[in-house]
Amino acid sequence: MAYSNAENECEDNREGGGTEGNWLVALAGALAKVQQQFLNAAMENMKTMEENGSGAVQGGNDTQSAEDKEKQRNEFLEAQSQYQANMQMFNMVANMTATSLKSLGEGLTSIARKQ
């Protein structure tokens, strides 16, 4: 996923300026796009939780049928689980991005010193 995003980023740079073939910057941009995907999914889950939160926590309003209340609770719980998973994935990708870029940057610095 990140590799194909990095390839796309390099292709975009060839076509219209940008980082002029700097693969480290292209990799950083591609990894940021992966993070955005997980964060956007988590925000959608949060919206679903907000929409169904009153029904899940307080049992909804009195005019709702028991079936509707149960549906709201189930949608809330599903969105909550998916939110947690998406945020975990976001955190893992963020940590991986920081570690990878730091390691690559330090390695390149070390190579440059020896030249």
C-alpha atoms as a PDB file:
ATOM      1  CA  MET A   1       0.000   0.000   0.000  1.00  0.00           C
ATOM      2  CA  ALA A   2       2.690   2.497   1.027  1.00  0.00           C
ATOM      3  CA  TYR A   3       5.001   1.275  -1.745  1.00  0.00           C
ATOM      4  CA  SER A   4       2.396   1.909  -4.443  1.00  0.00           C
ATOM      5  CA  ASN A   5       1.654   5.329  -2.918  1.00  0.00           C
ATOM      6  CA  ALA A   6       5.389   6.123  -3.040  1.00  0.00           C
ATOM      7  CA  GLU A   7       5.514   5.075  -6.692  1.00  0.00           C
ATOM      8  CA  ASN A   8       2.507   7.295  -7.440  1.00  0.00           C
ATOM      9  CA  GLU A   9       4.142  10.179  -5.585  1.00  0.00           C
ATOM     10  CA  CYS A  10       7.329   9.791  -7.649  1.00  0.00           C
ATOM     11  CA  GLU A  11       5.272   9.593 -10.849  1.00  0.00           C
ATOM     12  CA  ASP A  12       3.385  12.767  -9.865  1.00  0.00           C
ATOM     13  CA  ASN A  13       6.681  14.519  -9.213  1.00  0.00           C
ATOM     14  CA  ARG A  14       8.015  13.549 -12.641  1.00  0.00           C
ATOM     15  CA  GLU A  15       4.886  14.908 -14.283  1.00  0.00           C
ATOM     16  CA  GLY A  16       4.571  18.210 -12.475  1.00  0.00           C
ATOM     17  CA  GLY A  17       7.440  19.440 -10.361  1.00  0.00           C
ATOM     18  CA  GLY A  18       7.312  18.572  -6.687  1.00  0.00           C
ATOM     19  CA  THR A  19      10.238  16.957  -4.951  1.00  0.00           C
ATOM     20  CA  GLU A  20      12.203  16.336  -8.167  1.00  0.00           C
ATOM     21  CA  GLY A  21      12.812  12.648  -7.516  1.00  0.00           C
ATOM     22  CA  ASN A  22      13.610  12.866  -3.816  1.00  0.00           C
ATOM     23  CA  TRP A  23      12.517   9.373  -2.850  1.00  0.00           C
ATOM     24  CA  LEU A  24      12.668  10.015   0.906  1.00  0.00           C
ATOM     25  CA  VAL A  25      10.192  12.886   0.615  1.00  0.00           C
ATOM     26  CA  ALA A  26       8.031  10.790  -1.729  1.00  0.00           C
ATOM     27  CA  LEU A  27       8.048   7.958   0.812  1.00  0.00           C
ATOM     28  CA  ALA A  28       7.079  10.362   3.598  1.00  0.00           C
ATOM     29  CA  GLY A  29       4.200  11.693   1.502  1.00  0.00           C
ATOM     30  CA  ALA A  30       2.994   8.198   0.665  1.00  0.00           C
ATOM     31  CA  LEU A  31       3.080   7.121   4.302  1.00  0.00           C
ATOM     32  CA  ALA A  32       1.180  10.266   5.270  1.00  0.00           C
ATOM     33  CA  LYS A  33      -1.533   9.286   2.790  1.00  0.00           C
ATOM     34  CA  VAL A  34      -1.810   5.867   4.445  1.00  0.00           C
ATOM     35  CA  GLN A  35      -2.177   7.598   7.821  1.00  0.00           C
ATOM     36  CA  GLN A  36      -4.879   9.843   6.373  1.00  0.00           C
ATOM     37  CA  GLN A  37      -6.869   6.827   5.200  1.00  0.00           C
ATOM     38  CA  PHE A  38      -7.005   5.357   8.710  1.00  0.00           C
ATOM     39  CA  LEU A  39      -7.736   8.734  10.293  1.00  0.00           C
ATOM     40  CA  ASN A  40     -10.546   9.470   7.818  1.00  0.00           C
ATOM     41  CA  ALA A  41     -12.082   6.050   8.479  1.00  0.00           C
ATOM     42  CA  ALA A  42     -11.904   6.694  12.234  1.00  0.00           C
ATOM     43  CA  MET A  43     -13.617  10.068  11.793  1.00  0.00           C
ATOM     44  CA  GLU A  44     -16.444   8.381   9.851  1.00  0.00           C
ATOM     45  CA  ASN A  45     -16.798   5.883  12.695  1.00  0.00           C
ATOM     46  CA  MET A  46     -16.962   8.780  15.161  1.00  0.00           C
ATOM     47  CA  LYS A  47     -19.800  10.368  13.183  1.00  0.00           C
ATOM     48  CA  THR A  48     -21.708   7.088  13.316  1.00  0.00           C
ATOM     49  CA  MET A  49     -21.142   6.885  17.068  1.00  0.00           C
ATOM     50  CA  GLU A  50     -22.400  10.450  17.523  1.00  0.00           C
ATOM     51  CA  GLU A  51     -25.508   9.721  15.457  1.00  0.00           C
ATOM     52  CA  ASN A  52     -26.326   6.569  17.419  1.00  0.00           C
ATOM     53  CA  GLY A  53     -24.882   7.494  20.801  1.00  0.00           C
ATOM     54  CA  SER A  54     -28.067   8.602  22.522  1.00  0.00           C
ATOM     55  CA  GLY A  55     -29.834   5.405  21.522  1.00  0.00           C
ATOM     56  CA  ALA A  56     -26.937   3.251  22.654  1.00  0.00           C
ATOM     57  CA  VAL A  57     -26.310   4.901  26.010  1.00  0.00           C
ATOM     58  CA  GLN A  58     -29.707   6.195  27.107  1.00  0.00           C
ATOM     59  CA  GLY A  59     -31.906   3.714  25.303  1.00  0.00           C
ATOM     60  CA  GLY A  60     -33.107   6.223  22.699  1.00  0.00           C
ATOM     61  CA  ASN A  61     -36.284   8.201  22.986  1.00  0.00           C
ATOM     62  CA  ASP A  62     -39.666   6.797  24.022  1.00  0.00           C
ATOM     63  CA  THR A  63     -41.145   6.966  20.526  1.00  0.00           C
ATOM     64  CA  GLN A  64     -38.610   4.492  19.108  1.00  0.00           C
ATOM     65  CA  SER A  65     -39.477   0.838  18.827  1.00  0.00           C
ATOM     66  CA  ALA A  66     -37.371  -1.726  20.652  1.00  0.00           C
ATOM     67  CA  GLU A  67     -36.109  -2.879  17.271  1.00  0.00           C
ATOM     68  CA  ASP A  68     -34.897   0.626  16.368  1.00  0.00           C
ATOM     69  CA  LYS A  69     -33.182   1.021  19.748  1.00  0.00           C
ATOM     70  CA  GLU A  70     -31.392  -2.292  19.317  1.00  0.00           C
ATOM     71  CA  LYS A  71     -30.337  -1.332  15.789  1.00  0.00           C
ATOM     72  CA  GLN A  72     -28.918   1.953  17.112  1.00  0.00           C
ATOM     73  CA  ARG A  73     -27.007   0.158  19.864  1.00  0.00           C
ATOM     74  CA  ASN A  74     -25.563  -2.340  17.397  1.00  0.00           C
ATOM     75  CA  GLU A  75     -24.500   0.395  14.963  1.00  0.00           C
ATOM     76  CA  PHE A  76     -22.876   2.311  17.811  1.00  0.00           C
ATOM     77  CA  LEU A  77     -20.959  -0.737  19.047  1.00  0.00           C
ATOM     78  CA  GLU A  78     -19.800  -1.682  15.554  1.00  0.00           C
ATOM     79  CA  ALA A  79     -18.638   1.885  14.869  1.00  0.00           C
ATOM     80  CA  GLN A  80     -16.886   2.003  18.248  1.00  0.00           C
ATOM     81  CA  SER A  81     -14.959  -1.205  17.525  1.00  0.00           C
ATOM     82  CA  GLN A  82     -14.002  -0.024  14.060  1.00  0.00           C
ATOM     83  CA  TYR A  83     -12.965   3.373  15.459  1.00  0.00           C
ATOM     84  CA  GLN A  84     -10.620   1.695  17.931  1.00  0.00           C
ATOM     85  CA  ALA A  85      -9.131  -0.515  15.214  1.00  0.00           C
ATOM     86  CA  ASN A  86      -8.648   2.411  12.818  1.00  0.00           C
ATOM     87  CA  MET A  87      -6.994   4.526  15.518  1.00  0.00           C
ATOM     88  CA  GLN A  88      -4.654   1.654  16.408  1.00  0.00           C
ATOM     89  CA  MET A  89      -3.716   1.300  12.745  1.00  0.00           C
ATOM     90  CA  PHE A  90      -3.215   5.064  12.506  1.00  0.00           C
ATOM     91  CA  ASN A  91      -0.893   4.966  15.533  1.00  0.00           C
ATOM     92  CA  MET A  92       1.039   1.978  14.182  1.00  0.00           C
ATOM     93  CA  VAL A  93       1.557   3.644  10.800  1.00  0.00           C
ATOM     94  CA  ALA A  94       2.540   6.922  12.485  1.00  0.00           C
ATOM     95  CA  ASN A  95       5.148   5.154  14.622  1.00  0.00           C
ATOM     96  CA  MET A  96       6.389   3.141  11.642  1.00  0.00           C
ATOM     97  CA  THR A  97       6.648   6.301   9.567  1.00  0.00           C
ATOM     98  CA  ALA A  98       8.644   8.155  12.192  1.00  0.00           C
ATOM     99  CA  THR A  99      10.962   5.204  12.830  1.00  0.00           C
ATOM    100  CA  SER A 100      11.484   4.437   9.141  1.00  0.00           C
ATOM    101  CA  LEU A 101      12.197   8.006   8.124  1.00  0.00           C
ATOM    102  CA  LYS A 102      14.527   8.533  11.073  1.00  0.00           C
ATOM    103  CA  SER A 103      16.439   5.318  10.360  1.00  0.00           C
ATOM    104  CA  LEU A 104      16.711   6.043   6.648  1.00  0.00           C
ATOM    105  CA  GLY A 105      17.758   9.637   7.269  1.00  0.00           C
ATOM    106  CA  GLU A 106      20.423   8.640   9.787  1.00  0.00           C
ATOM    107  CA  GLY A 107      21.673   5.908   7.463  1.00  0.00           C
ATOM    108  CA  LEU A 108      21.948   8.333   4.560  1.00  0.00           C
ATOM    109  CA  THR A 109      23.735  10.834   6.785  1.00  0.00           C
ATOM    110  CA  SER A 110      26.204   8.178   7.814  1.00  0.00           C
ATOM    111  CA  ILE A 111      26.846   7.202   4.197  1.00  0.00           C
ATOM    112  CA  ALA A 112      27.264  10.850   3.198  1.00  0.00           C
ATOM    113  CA  ARG A 113      29.861  11.380   5.957  1.00  0.00           C
ATOM    114  CA  LYS A 114      31.956   8.488   4.643  1.00  0.00           C
ATOM    115  CA  GLN A 115      32.027   9.761   1.062  1.00  0.00           C
END
